[in-house]
C-alpha atoms as a PDB file:
ATOM      1  CA  MET A   1      -5.326  26.724  -7.135  1.00  0.00           C
ATOM      2  CA  GLN A   2      -6.673  23.549  -5.569  1.00  0.00           C
ATOM      3  CA  CYS A   3      -4.669  21.870  -2.806  1.00  0.00           C
ATOM      4  CA  VAL A   4      -6.895  18.837  -2.184  1.00  0.00           C
ATOM      5  CA  TYR A   5      -6.467  15.508  -3.986  1.00  0.00           C
ATOM      6  CA  PHE A   6      -8.290  12.208  -3.719  1.00  0.00           C
ATOM      7  CA  ASP A   7      -6.959   8.662  -3.657  1.00  0.00           C
ATOM      8  CA  ASP A   8      -3.821   8.128  -5.774  1.00  0.00           C
ATOM      9  CA  ARG A   9      -3.541  11.396  -7.695  1.00  0.00           C
ATOM     10  CA  LEU A  10      -0.370  12.083  -5.721  1.00  0.00           C
ATOM     11  CA  PRO A  11       2.458   9.554  -5.229  1.00  0.00           C
ATOM     12  CA  ASN A  12       1.762   7.255  -2.297  1.00  0.00           C
ATOM     13  CA  GLY A  13       5.236   5.783  -2.089  1.00  0.00           C
ATOM     14  CA  PHE A  14       8.374   7.250  -0.593  1.00  0.00           C
ATOM     15  CA  GLU A  15       8.501  10.029  -3.201  1.00  0.00           C
ATOM     16  CA  GLU A  16       8.221  13.356  -1.447  1.00  0.00           C
ATOM     17  CA  GLN A  17       8.887  15.760  -4.326  1.00  0.00           C
ATOM     18  CA  PHE A  18       5.617  17.640  -4.574  1.00  0.00           C
ATOM     19  CA  THR A  19       5.411  20.925  -6.447  1.00  0.00           C
ATOM     20  CA  PHE A  20       4.466  23.525  -3.873  1.00  0.00           C
ATOM     21  CA  SER A  21       4.020  27.181  -4.755  1.00  0.00           C
ATOM     22  CA  ALA A  22       2.885  30.487  -3.305  1.00  0.00           C
ATOM     23  CA  GLN A  23      -0.642  29.557  -4.377  1.00  0.00           C
ATOM     24  CA  MET A  24      -0.304  25.991  -3.062  1.00  0.00           C
ATOM     25  CA  PRO A  25       1.865  25.985   0.096  1.00  0.00           C
ATOM     26  CA  TYR A  26       0.209  22.794   1.362  1.00  0.00           C
ATOM     27  CA  THR A  27      -1.524  19.674   0.052  1.00  0.00           C
ATOM     28  CA  ILE A  28      -4.222  17.392   1.421  1.00  0.00           C
ATOM     29  CA  ASN A  29      -4.424  13.913  -0.065  1.00  0.00           C
ATOM     30  CA  ILE A  30      -7.357  11.674   0.875  1.00  0.00           C
ATOM     31  CA  LYS A  31      -6.322   8.043   0.555  1.00  0.00           C
ATOM     32  CA  ARG A  32      -8.144   4.742   0.771  1.00  0.00           C
ATOM     33  CA  PHE A  33      -6.450   1.373   0.761  1.00  0.00           C
ATOM     34  CA  GLN A  34      -7.741  -1.355  -1.511  1.00  0.00           C
ATOM     35  CA  THR A  35      -4.298  -2.954  -1.667  1.00  0.00           C
ATOM     36  CA  GLU A  36      -1.429  -3.049   0.809  1.00  0.00           C
ATOM     37  CA  ASP A  37       0.464   0.242   0.947  1.00  0.00           C
ATOM     38  CA  ILE A  38       4.067  -0.007   2.105  1.00  0.00           C
ATOM     39  CA  VAL A  39       6.151   3.156   2.260  1.00  0.00           C
ATOM     40  CA  PRO A  40       9.811   2.578   3.210  1.00  0.00           C
ATOM     41  CA  LEU A  41      11.841   4.873   5.457  1.00  0.00           C
ATOM     42  CA  HIS A  42      11.913   8.391   4.057  1.00  0.00           C
ATOM     43  CA  TYR A  43      11.896  12.019   5.109  1.00  0.00           C
ATOM     44  CA  ALA A  44      10.867  15.364   3.666  1.00  0.00           C
ATOM     45  CA  GLU A  45      11.366  19.097   4.093  1.00  0.00           C
ATOM     46  CA  THR A  46       7.663  19.430   4.808  1.00  0.00           C
ATOM     47  CA  ILE A  47       5.775  18.817   8.008  1.00  0.00           C
ATOM     48  CA  GLU A  48       3.384  15.908   7.518  1.00  0.00           C
ATOM     49  CA  MET A  49       0.198  15.123   9.401  1.00  0.00           C
ATOM     50  CA  LEU A  50      -1.519  11.765   8.972  1.00  0.00           C
ATOM     51  CA  LEU A  51      -5.122  11.515  10.125  1.00  0.00           C
ATOM     52  CA  CYS A  52      -5.851   7.791  10.238  1.00  0.00           C
ATOM     53  CA  ASP A  53      -9.423   6.580  10.544  1.00  0.00           C
ATOM     54  CA  GLN A  54     -10.066   2.844  11.081  1.00  0.00           C
ATOM     55  CA  LEU A  55      -6.837   1.677   9.462  1.00  0.00           C
ATOM     56  CA  CYS A  56      -4.860  -1.501  10.128  1.00  0.00           C
ATOM     57  CA  GLY A  57      -1.095  -1.599  10.018  1.00  0.00           C
ATOM     58  CA  GLU A  58       1.852   0.231  11.508  1.00  0.00           C
ATOM     59  CA  ILE A  59       3.491   3.642  11.318  1.00  0.00           C
ATOM     60  CA  VAL A  60       7.095   4.178  12.371  1.00  0.00           C
ATOM     61  CA  VAL A  61       8.288   7.676  13.297  1.00  0.00           C
ATOM     62  CA  ASP A  62      11.898   8.211  14.372  1.00  0.00           C
ATOM     63  CA  ASN A  63      12.159   4.474  15.191  1.00  0.00           C
ATOM     64  CA  GLN A  64       9.054   4.585  17.389  1.00  0.00           C
ATOM     65  CA  HIS A  65       6.491   1.985  16.291  1.00  0.00           C
ATOM     66  CA  TYR A  66       2.752   2.689  16.450  1.00  0.00           C
ATOM     67  CA  SER A  67      -0.005   0.181  15.692  1.00  0.00           C
ATOM     68  CA  LEU A  68      -2.959   1.634  13.831  1.00  0.00           C
ATOM     69  CA  CYS A  69      -6.462   1.402  15.266  1.00  0.00           C
ATOM     70  CA  GLY A  70      -9.465   3.680  15.591  1.00  0.00           C
ATOM     71  CA  GLN A  71      -8.807   7.364  14.952  1.00  0.00           C
ATOM     72  CA  GLN A  72      -5.223   8.621  15.309  1.00  0.00           C
ATOM     73  CA  LEU A  73      -3.277  11.742  14.368  1.00  0.00           C
ATOM     74  CA  PHE A  74       0.446  11.513  13.602  1.00  0.00           C
ATOM     75  CA  VAL A  75       2.536  14.664  13.347  1.00  0.00           C
ATOM     76  CA  ILE A  76       5.867  14.218  11.557  1.00  0.00           C
ATOM     77  CA  PRO A  77       8.202  17.246  11.704  1.00  0.00           C
ATOM     78  CA  PRO A  78      10.523  18.087   8.789  1.00  0.00           C
ATOM     79  CA  TYR A  79      13.469  15.729   8.186  1.00  0.00           C
ATOM     80  CA  THR A  80      12.080  13.129  10.588  1.00  0.00           C
ATOM     81  CA  VAL A  81      12.591   9.614   9.237  1.00  0.00           C
ATOM     82  CA  HIS A  82       9.362   7.642   9.047  1.00  0.00           C
ATOM     83  CA  SER A  83       7.613   4.787   7.244  1.00  0.00           C
ATOM     84  CA  ASN A  84       4.253   3.065   7.128  1.00  0.00           C
ATOM     85  CA  ASN A  85       2.630  -0.247   6.291  1.00  0.00           C
ATOM     86  CA  ILE A  86      -1.126  -0.020   5.738  1.00  0.00           C
ATOM     87  CA  ARG A  87      -3.144  -3.165   5.107  1.00  0.00           C
ATOM     88  CA  PRO A  88      -6.195  -3.218   2.797  1.00  0.00           C
ATOM     89  CA  GLY A  89      -9.463  -2.233   4.416  1.00  0.00           C
ATOM     90  CA  GLY A  90     -12.249   0.283   4.574  1.00  0.00           C
ATOM     91  CA  GLY A  91     -10.431   3.046   6.437  1.00  0.00           C
ATOM     92  CA  THR A  92      -9.267   6.472   5.294  1.00  0.00           C
ATOM     93  CA  MET A  93      -6.090   8.526   5.672  1.00  0.00           C
ATOM     94  CA  TYR A  94      -5.829  12.276   5.247  1.00  0.00           C
ATOM     95  CA  VAL A  95      -2.240  13.138   4.339  1.00  0.00           C
ATOM     96  CA  PHE A  96      -1.670  16.830   5.094  1.00  0.00           C
ATOM     97  CA  LYS A  97       1.695  18.354   4.102  1.00  0.00           C
ATOM     98  CA  ILE A  98       2.843  21.940   4.562  1.00  0.00           C
ATOM     99  CA  CYS A  99       5.868  23.438   2.810  1.00  0.00           C
ATOM    100  CA  PHE A 100       7.409  26.020   5.138  1.00  0.00           C
ATOM    101  CA  HIS A 101       9.449  27.606   2.344  1.00  0.00           C
ATOM    102  CA  GLU A 102       6.216  28.690   0.661  1.00  0.00           C
ATOM    103  CA  MET A 103       4.193  29.148   3.849  1.00  0.00           C
ATOM    104  CA  ASP A 104       6.793  31.635   5.153  1.00  0.00           C
ATOM    105  CA  ARG A 105       5.427  34.130   2.637  1.00  0.00           C
ATOM    106  CA  TYR A 106       2.365  34.373   4.859  1.00  0.00           C
ATOM    107  CA  ILE A 107       3.142  32.760   8.243  1.00  0.00           C
ATOM    108  CA  ASN A 108       6.494  31.923   9.801  1.00  0.00           C
ATOM    109  CA  VAL A 109       5.378  28.769  11.547  1.00  0.00           C
ATOM    110  CA  SER A 110       8.566  28.275  13.593  1.00  0.00           C
ATOM    111  CA  ASN A 111       8.347  31.790  15.020  1.00  0.00           C
ATOM    112  CA  TYR A 112       4.640  31.383  15.656  1.00  0.00           C
ATOM    113  CA  LEU A 113       5.253  28.175  17.601  1.00  0.00           C
ATOM    114  CA  GLU A 114       8.044  29.764  19.636  1.00  0.00           C
ATOM    115  CA  ILE A 115       5.578  32.428  20.752  1.00  0.00           C
ATOM    116  CA  GLN A 116       3.573  29.497  22.108  1.00  0.00           C
ATOM    117  CA  ASN A 117       6.728  28.171  23.861  1.00  0.00           C
ATOM    118  CA  CYS A 118       6.930  25.241  21.470  1.00  0.00           C
ATOM    119  CA  ARG A 119       9.349  24.056  18.783  1.00  0.00           C
ATOM    120  CA  LEU A 120       8.622  21.988  15.706  1.00  0.00           C
ATOM    121  CA  SER A 121      10.929  19.260  16.961  1.00  0.00           C
ATOM    122  CA  GLN A 122       8.872  18.893  20.159  1.00  0.00           C
ATOM    123  CA  LEU A 123       5.458  18.270  18.601  1.00  0.00           C
ATOM    124  CA  GLN A 124       4.050  14.930  19.745  1.00  0.00           C
ATOM    125  CA  TYR A 125       4.318  12.267  17.067  1.00  0.00           C
ATOM    126  CA  LEU A 126       1.059  10.643  18.190  1.00  0.00           C
ATOM    127  CA  CYS A 127      -1.091  13.675  18.938  1.00  0.00           C
ATOM    128  CA  PRO A 128      -4.416  13.421  20.822  1.00  0.00           C
ATOM    129  CA  ALA A 129      -5.962  16.345  18.889  1.00  0.00           C
ATOM    130  CA  TYR A 130      -7.467  14.184  16.112  1.00  0.00           C
ATOM    131  CA  ASP A 131     -10.971  15.707  16.212  1.00  0.00           C
ATOM    132  CA  ALA A 132      -9.765  19.320  16.328  1.00  0.00           C
ATOM    133  CA  VAL A 133      -7.306  18.833  13.466  1.00  0.00           C
ATOM    134  CA  LEU A 134      -9.881  16.934  11.390  1.00  0.00           C
ATOM    135  CA  ASP A 135     -12.266  19.882  11.727  1.00  0.00           C
ATOM    136  CA  ILE A 136      -9.502  22.199  10.490  1.00  0.00           C
ATOM    137  CA  VAL A 137      -8.704  19.917   7.563  1.00  0.00           C
ATOM    138  CA  LYS A 138     -12.378  19.802   6.576  1.00  0.00           C
ATOM    139  CA  GLY A 139     -12.441  23.606   6.735  1.00  0.00           C
ATOM    140  CA  LEU A 140      -9.427  23.761   4.411  1.00  0.00           C
ATOM    141  CA  MET A 141     -11.179  21.378   2.040  1.00  0.00           C
ATOM    142  CA  ALA A 142     -14.344  23.475   2.091  1.00  0.00           C
ATOM    143  CA  TYR A 143     -12.347  26.617   1.198  1.00  0.00           C
ATOM    144  CA  ASP A 144      -9.995  24.848  -1.202  1.00  0.00           C
ATOM    145  CA  GLY A 145      -8.611  27.345  -3.714  1.00  0.00           C
ATOM    146  CA  ASP A 146      -9.289  30.357  -1.460  1.00  0.00           C
ATOM    147  CA  LEU A 147      -5.918  30.714   0.278  1.00  0.00           C
ATOM    148  CA  MET A 148      -6.790  33.872   2.216  1.00  0.00           C
ATOM    149  CA  ARG A 149      -9.672  32.068   3.928  1.00  0.00           C
ATOM    150  CA  CYS A 150      -7.444  29.062   4.620  1.00  0.00           C
ATOM    151  CA  LEU A 151      -4.503  30.858   6.261  1.00  0.00           C
ATOM    152  CA  PRO A 152      -6.355  31.570   9.550  1.00  0.00           C
ATOM    153  CA  LEU A 153      -7.129  27.850   9.718  1.00  0.00           C
ATOM    154  CA  ILE A 154      -3.420  27.061   9.323  1.00  0.00           C
ATOM    155  CA  MET A 155      -2.666  29.318  12.304  1.00  0.00           C
ATOM    156  CA  GLN A 156      -5.424  27.597  14.273  1.00  0.00           C
ATOM    157  CA  LEU A 157      -3.859  24.258  13.350  1.00  0.00           C
ATOM    158  CA  PHE A 158      -0.457  25.114  14.798  1.00  0.00           C
ATOM    159  CA  LEU A 159      -1.998  26.689  17.869  1.00  0.00           C
ATOM    160  CA  THR A 160      -3.754  23.359  18.438  1.00  0.00           C
ATOM    161  CA  LEU A 161      -0.575  21.319  17.858  1.00  0.00           C
ATOM    162  CA  SER A 162       1.449  23.573  20.172  1.00  0.00           C
ATOM    163  CA  ARG A 163      -0.653  22.359  23.088  1.00  0.00           C
ATOM    164  CA  HIS A 164       0.699  18.829  22.642  1.00  0.00           C
ATOM    165  CA  VAL A 165       4.463  18.667  22.965  1.00  0.00           C
ATOM    166  CA  ASP A 166       6.974  16.050  24.020  1.00  0.00           C
ATOM    167  CA  GLN A 167       8.984  17.684  26.790  1.00  0.00           C
ATOM    168  CA  ASP A 168      11.436  14.779  26.846  1.00  0.00           C
ATOM    169  CA  ARG A 169      12.520  15.524  23.292  1.00  0.00           C
ATOM    170  CA  GLY A 170      15.184  18.194  22.959  1.00  0.00           C
ATOM    171  CA  SER A 171      14.711  21.543  21.269  1.00  0.00           C
ATOM    172  CA  ALA A 172      16.645  20.302  18.255  1.00  0.00           C
ATOM    173  CA  PHE A 173      16.755  16.978  16.458  1.00  0.00           C
ATOM    174  CA  ASP A 174      19.558  14.536  17.180  1.00  0.00           C
ATOM    175  CA  HIS A 175      19.222  11.519  14.941  1.00  0.00           C
ATOM    176  CA  SER A 176      22.553  10.002  16.105  1.00  0.00           C
ATOM    177  CA  ARG A 177      24.355  10.858  12.904  1.00  0.00           C
ATOM    178  CA  PHE A 178      26.818   8.520  11.264  1.00  0.00           C
ATOM    179  CA  LYS A 179      30.435   9.647  11.225  1.00  0.00           C
ATOM    180  CA  ASP A 180      30.462  10.827   7.604  1.00  0.00           C
ATOM    181  CA  SER A 181      26.832  10.570   6.573  1.00  0.00           C
ATOM    182  CA  SER A 182      23.601  11.155   8.457  1.00  0.00           C
ATOM    183  CA  LEU A 183      20.782   8.659   8.387  1.00  0.00           C
ATOM    184  CA  GLN A 184      18.896  11.078   6.139  1.00  0.00           C
ATOM    185  CA  GLU A 185      21.793  11.273   3.705  1.00  0.00           C
ATOM    186  CA  LEU A 186      22.079   7.484   3.618  1.00  0.00           C
ATOM    187  CA  ILE A 187      18.369   7.212   2.848  1.00  0.00           C
ATOM    188  CA  ARG A 188      18.737   9.752   0.037  1.00  0.00           C
ATOM    189  CA  TRP A 189      21.775   7.890  -1.326  1.00  0.00           C
ATOM    190  CA  THR A 190      19.862   4.601  -1.275  1.00  0.00           C
ATOM    191  CA  HIS A 191      16.953   6.123  -3.186  1.00  0.00           C
ATOM    192  CA  GLU A 192      19.397   7.389  -5.806  1.00  0.00           C
ATOM    193  CA  ASN A 193      21.366   4.142  -6.170  1.00  0.00           C
ATOM    194  CA  PHE A 194      18.890   1.311  -5.523  1.00  0.00           C
ATOM    195  CA  ALA A 195      18.786   0.336  -9.217  1.00  0.00           C
ATOM    196  CA  ARG A 196      22.363  -0.950  -9.231  1.00  0.00           C
ATOM    197  CA  ARG A 197      24.174  -3.611  -7.246  1.00  0.00           C
ATOM    198  CA  ILE A 198      24.852  -2.422  -3.672  1.00  0.00           C
ATOM    199  CA  THR A 199      26.924  -4.323  -1.126  1.00  0.00           C
ATOM    200  CA  ILE A 200      26.986  -3.895   2.624  1.00  0.00           C
ATOM    201  CA  GLU A 201      30.752  -3.375   2.370  1.00  0.00           C
ATOM    202  CA  GLU A 202      30.233  -0.412   0.038  1.00  0.00           C
ATOM    203  CA  VAL A 203      27.673   1.240   2.285  1.00  0.00           C
ATOM    204  CA  ALA A 204      29.754   0.597   5.404  1.00  0.00           C
ATOM    205  CA  ASN A 205      32.836   2.149   3.767  1.00  0.00           C
ATOM    206  CA  MET A 206      30.777   5.150   2.708  1.00  0.00           C
ATOM    207  CA  THR A 207      29.642   5.780   6.281  1.00  0.00           C
ATOM    208  CA  GLY A 208      33.112   5.239   7.743  1.00  0.00           C
ATOM    209  CA  TYR A 209      32.232   2.159   9.793  1.00  0.00           C
ATOM    210  CA  SER A 210      33.224  -1.468   9.679  1.00  0.00           C
ATOM    211  CA  LYS A 211      30.657  -3.812   8.152  1.00  0.00           C
ATOM    212  CA  TYR A 212      29.694  -5.203  11.571  1.00  0.00           C
ATOM    213  CA  HIS A 213      29.444  -1.778  13.234  1.00  0.00           C
ATOM    214  CA  PHE A 214      27.439  -0.335  10.336  1.00  0.00           C
ATOM    215  CA  CYS A 215      24.921  -3.198  10.429  1.00  0.00           C
ATOM    216  CA  SER A 216      24.528  -2.865  14.175  1.00  0.00           C
ATOM    217  CA  ARG A 217      24.238   0.918  14.004  1.00  0.00           C
ATOM    218  CA  PHE A 218      21.698   0.973  11.189  1.00  0.00           C
ATOM    219  CA  LYS A 219      19.452  -1.549  12.910  1.00  0.00           C
ATOM    220  CA  SER A 220      19.606   0.338  16.206  1.00  0.00           C
ATOM    221  CA  LEU A 221      18.511   3.547  14.435  1.00  0.00           C
ATOM    222  CA  THR A 222      15.798   2.064  12.237  1.00  0.00           C
ATOM    223  CA  GLY A 223      14.717  -1.256  13.742  1.00  0.00           C
ATOM    224  CA  MET A 224      15.555  -3.154  10.541  1.00  0.00           C
ATOM    225  CA  THR A 225      18.585  -4.404   8.653  1.00  0.00           C
ATOM    226  CA  TYR A 226      19.965  -2.358   5.799  1.00  0.00           C
ATOM    227  CA  LEU A 227      19.280  -5.194   3.343  1.00  0.00           C
ATOM    228  CA  ASN A 228      15.618  -5.284   4.354  1.00  0.00           C
ATOM    229  CA  TYR A 229      15.448  -1.508   3.961  1.00  0.00           C
ATOM    230  CA  LEU A 230      17.087  -1.638   0.527  1.00  0.00           C
ATOM    231  CA  ASN A 231      14.629  -4.311  -0.596  1.00  0.00           C
ATOM    232  CA  SER A 232      11.691  -2.230   0.644  1.00  0.00           C
ATOM    233  CA  VAL A 233      12.912   0.715  -1.450  1.00  0.00           C
ATOM    234  CA  ARG A 234      13.306  -1.499  -4.513  1.00  0.00           C
ATOM    235  CA  VAL A 235       9.866  -3.066  -4.089  1.00  0.00           C
ATOM    236  CA  SER A 236       8.257   0.369  -3.666  1.00  0.00           C
ATOM    237  CA  HIS A 237       9.777   1.470  -6.958  1.00  0.00           C
ATOM    238  CA  ALA A 238       8.647  -1.822  -8.478  1.00  0.00           C
ATOM    239  CA  CYS A 239       5.069  -1.117  -7.372  1.00  0.00           C
ATOM    240  CA  LEU A 240       5.103   2.271  -9.086  1.00  0.00           C
ATOM    241  CA  MET A 241       6.384   0.703 -12.314  1.00  0.00           C
ATOM    242  CA  LEU A 242       3.872  -2.157 -12.192  1.00  0.00           C
ATOM    243  CA  ARG A 243       1.052   0.359 -11.763  1.00  0.00           C
ATOM    244  CA  ASN A 244       2.309   2.062 -14.910  1.00  0.00           C
ATOM    245  CA  GLY A 245       2.026  -1.210 -16.829  1.00  0.00           C
ATOM    246  CA  ASP A 246       5.700  -2.174 -17.087  1.00  0.00           C
ATOM    247  CA  ALA A 247       6.523  -5.855 -17.609  1.00  0.00           C
ATOM    248  CA  VAL A 248       7.723  -7.833 -14.600  1.00  0.00           C
ATOM    249  CA  GLN A 249      11.100  -8.618 -16.187  1.00  0.00           C
ATOM    250  CA  THR A 250      11.623  -4.938 -17.009  1.00  0.00           C
ATOM    251  CA  VAL A 251      10.725  -3.931 -13.457  1.00  0.00           C
ATOM    252  CA  CYS A 252      13.070  -6.567 -12.032  1.00  0.00           C
ATOM    253  CA  ARG A 253      16.077  -5.215 -13.943  1.00  0.00           C
ATOM    254  CA  ALA A 254      15.195  -1.553 -13.342  1.00  0.00           C
ATOM    255  CA  CYS A 255      14.875  -2.024  -9.576  1.00  0.00           C
ATOM    256  CA  GLY A 256      18.243  -3.632  -8.919  1.00  0.00           C
ATOM    257  CA  PHE A 257      17.277  -7.292  -8.645  1.00  0.00           C
ATOM    258  CA  GLU A 258      19.731  -9.685 -10.261  1.00  0.00           C
ATOM    259  CA  ASN A 259      17.202 -12.354 -11.255  1.00  0.00           C
ATOM    260  CA  THR A 260      13.450 -12.626 -11.621  1.00  0.00           C
ATOM    261  CA  SER A 261      12.934 -15.494  -9.178  1.00  0.00           C
ATOM    262  CA  TYR A 262      14.625 -13.571  -6.347  1.00  0.00           C
ATOM    263  CA  PHE A 263      12.621 -10.450  -7.256  1.00  0.00           C
ATOM    264  CA  ILE A 264       9.358 -12.404  -7.067  1.00  0.00           C
ATOM    265  CA  GLN A 265      10.409 -13.938  -3.734  1.00  0.00           C
ATOM    266  CA  ILE A 266      11.234 -10.564  -2.136  1.00  0.00           C
ATOM    267  CA  PHE A 267       8.202  -8.841  -3.662  1.00  0.00           C
ATOM    268  CA  LYS A 268       5.842 -11.490  -2.289  1.00  0.00           C
ATOM    269  CA  LYS A 269       7.505 -11.350   1.133  1.00  0.00           C
ATOM    270  CA  ILE A 270       6.845  -7.593   1.347  1.00  0.00           C
ATOM    271  CA  GLN A 271       3.569  -7.200  -0.571  1.00  0.00           C
ATOM    272  CA  HIS A 272       2.106 -10.670   0.149  1.00  0.00           C
ATOM    273  CA  VAL A 273       1.311 -11.156  -3.547  1.00  0.00           C
ATOM    274  CA  THR A 274       3.506 -11.824  -6.572  1.00  0.00           C
ATOM    275  CA  PRO A 275       4.355  -8.986  -8.986  1.00  0.00           C
ATOM    276  CA  TYR A 276       1.994 -10.557 -11.545  1.00  0.00           C
ATOM    277  CA  GLN A 277      -0.846 -10.640  -9.014  1.00  0.00           C
ATOM    278  CA  TYR A 278      -0.110  -7.068  -7.931  1.00  0.00           C
ATOM    279  CA  ALA A 279      -0.188  -5.806 -11.532  1.00  0.00           C
ATOM    280  CA  THR A 280      -3.484  -7.625 -12.110  1.00  0.00           C
ATOM    281  CA  GLN A 281      -4.997  -6.078  -8.965  1.00  0.00           C
ATOM    282  CA  GLN A 282      -3.940  -2.606 -10.070  1.00  0.00           C
ATOM    283  CA  LYS A 283      -5.549  -3.059 -13.506  1.00  0.00           C
ATOM    284  CA  LYS A 284      -8.833  -3.997 -11.835  1.00  0.00           C
ATOM    285  CA  LEU A 285      -8.650  -0.904  -9.597  1.00  0.00           C
ATOM    286  CA  SER A 286      -7.928   1.466 -12.497  1.00  0.00           C
ATOM    287  CA  PRO A 287     -10.912   3.602 -13.569  1.00  0.00           C
END
C-alpha cells in the first residue's frame, strides 16, 4: 500500500483524521503552495515532521513562533498544538506523519527513544537535522509500498531525532490546562461547533473562567484572541467548501457567519482575497 501523496490529495487544512493501517502506519505528503495556505491551531495523535524548503510564512508550535526561510525541519510531537501560514511561492513542504498506534505493531517508538535517553516530548521543535531526515524521507519514497524495507529507515529516523532534544522541556507535556477543559479539548470543541453562533461568554463558562480571565488565558497560551482563532477555523472550513465548488452564500451560512458581507470581510482579512476570488483561483488550479 502506498504511503506517499503529492500536492492536495490529502487534506491540507486542520483536518487530521487520516486513515492509517497496519500496511500504512505513516504518510508522506509533498505539498507546493500556489495559493496561501493557512492552517489554524490544531493537534493530532500522530507525530508530524515538516520539511520546509524555501517557503515564506510562519509556523507556530506550542506558542513558539518560527519564521520560514531556507531549509528547516519542524518536529511536532503528538497532541502538541500548532498552526501554520504559508504564503504562495516556489517552495516545497514534505509533511511526514507517523501513527504510533499502528507503528507499535513493528516498533515501539517511545521505548526506542527511551533507550536513547530521550522522550517524545523533548524532541526539538526546530531540529537541525534537515539533510539527514530528508535523505530518510527520500528513502521511504523510493521504497514506497515495501513496508519491511521502510521500517529500518523509521528506526534510523528516530535515532537521528533523539540526538536533538530540548533539555529545558520537561519529560511530560504541560500545556497549562484550563480548569475544566484543556486547550486541546477547547480546540476540538471549536472544530465541532464552529458552524453555529458562539459567544465568548459561552466558551468562558464552559472552561470555568470569567470572560476577562478566559480571554487573557487563551491569548497567553496561543498568542491570539479566541475570536481570531474561531474565525480562522471558520475560514479554513470555508476554503475546503469553496474548493469543492459550493456557492459563497452557502459557505457563509455553513461556516457560522451571520451575514455575507461580514464573511467576505473576515475571509479577505485572513486569505487576502475575497471568497469569489479564492474560488476562481482554485478552479484555475484544478487539473
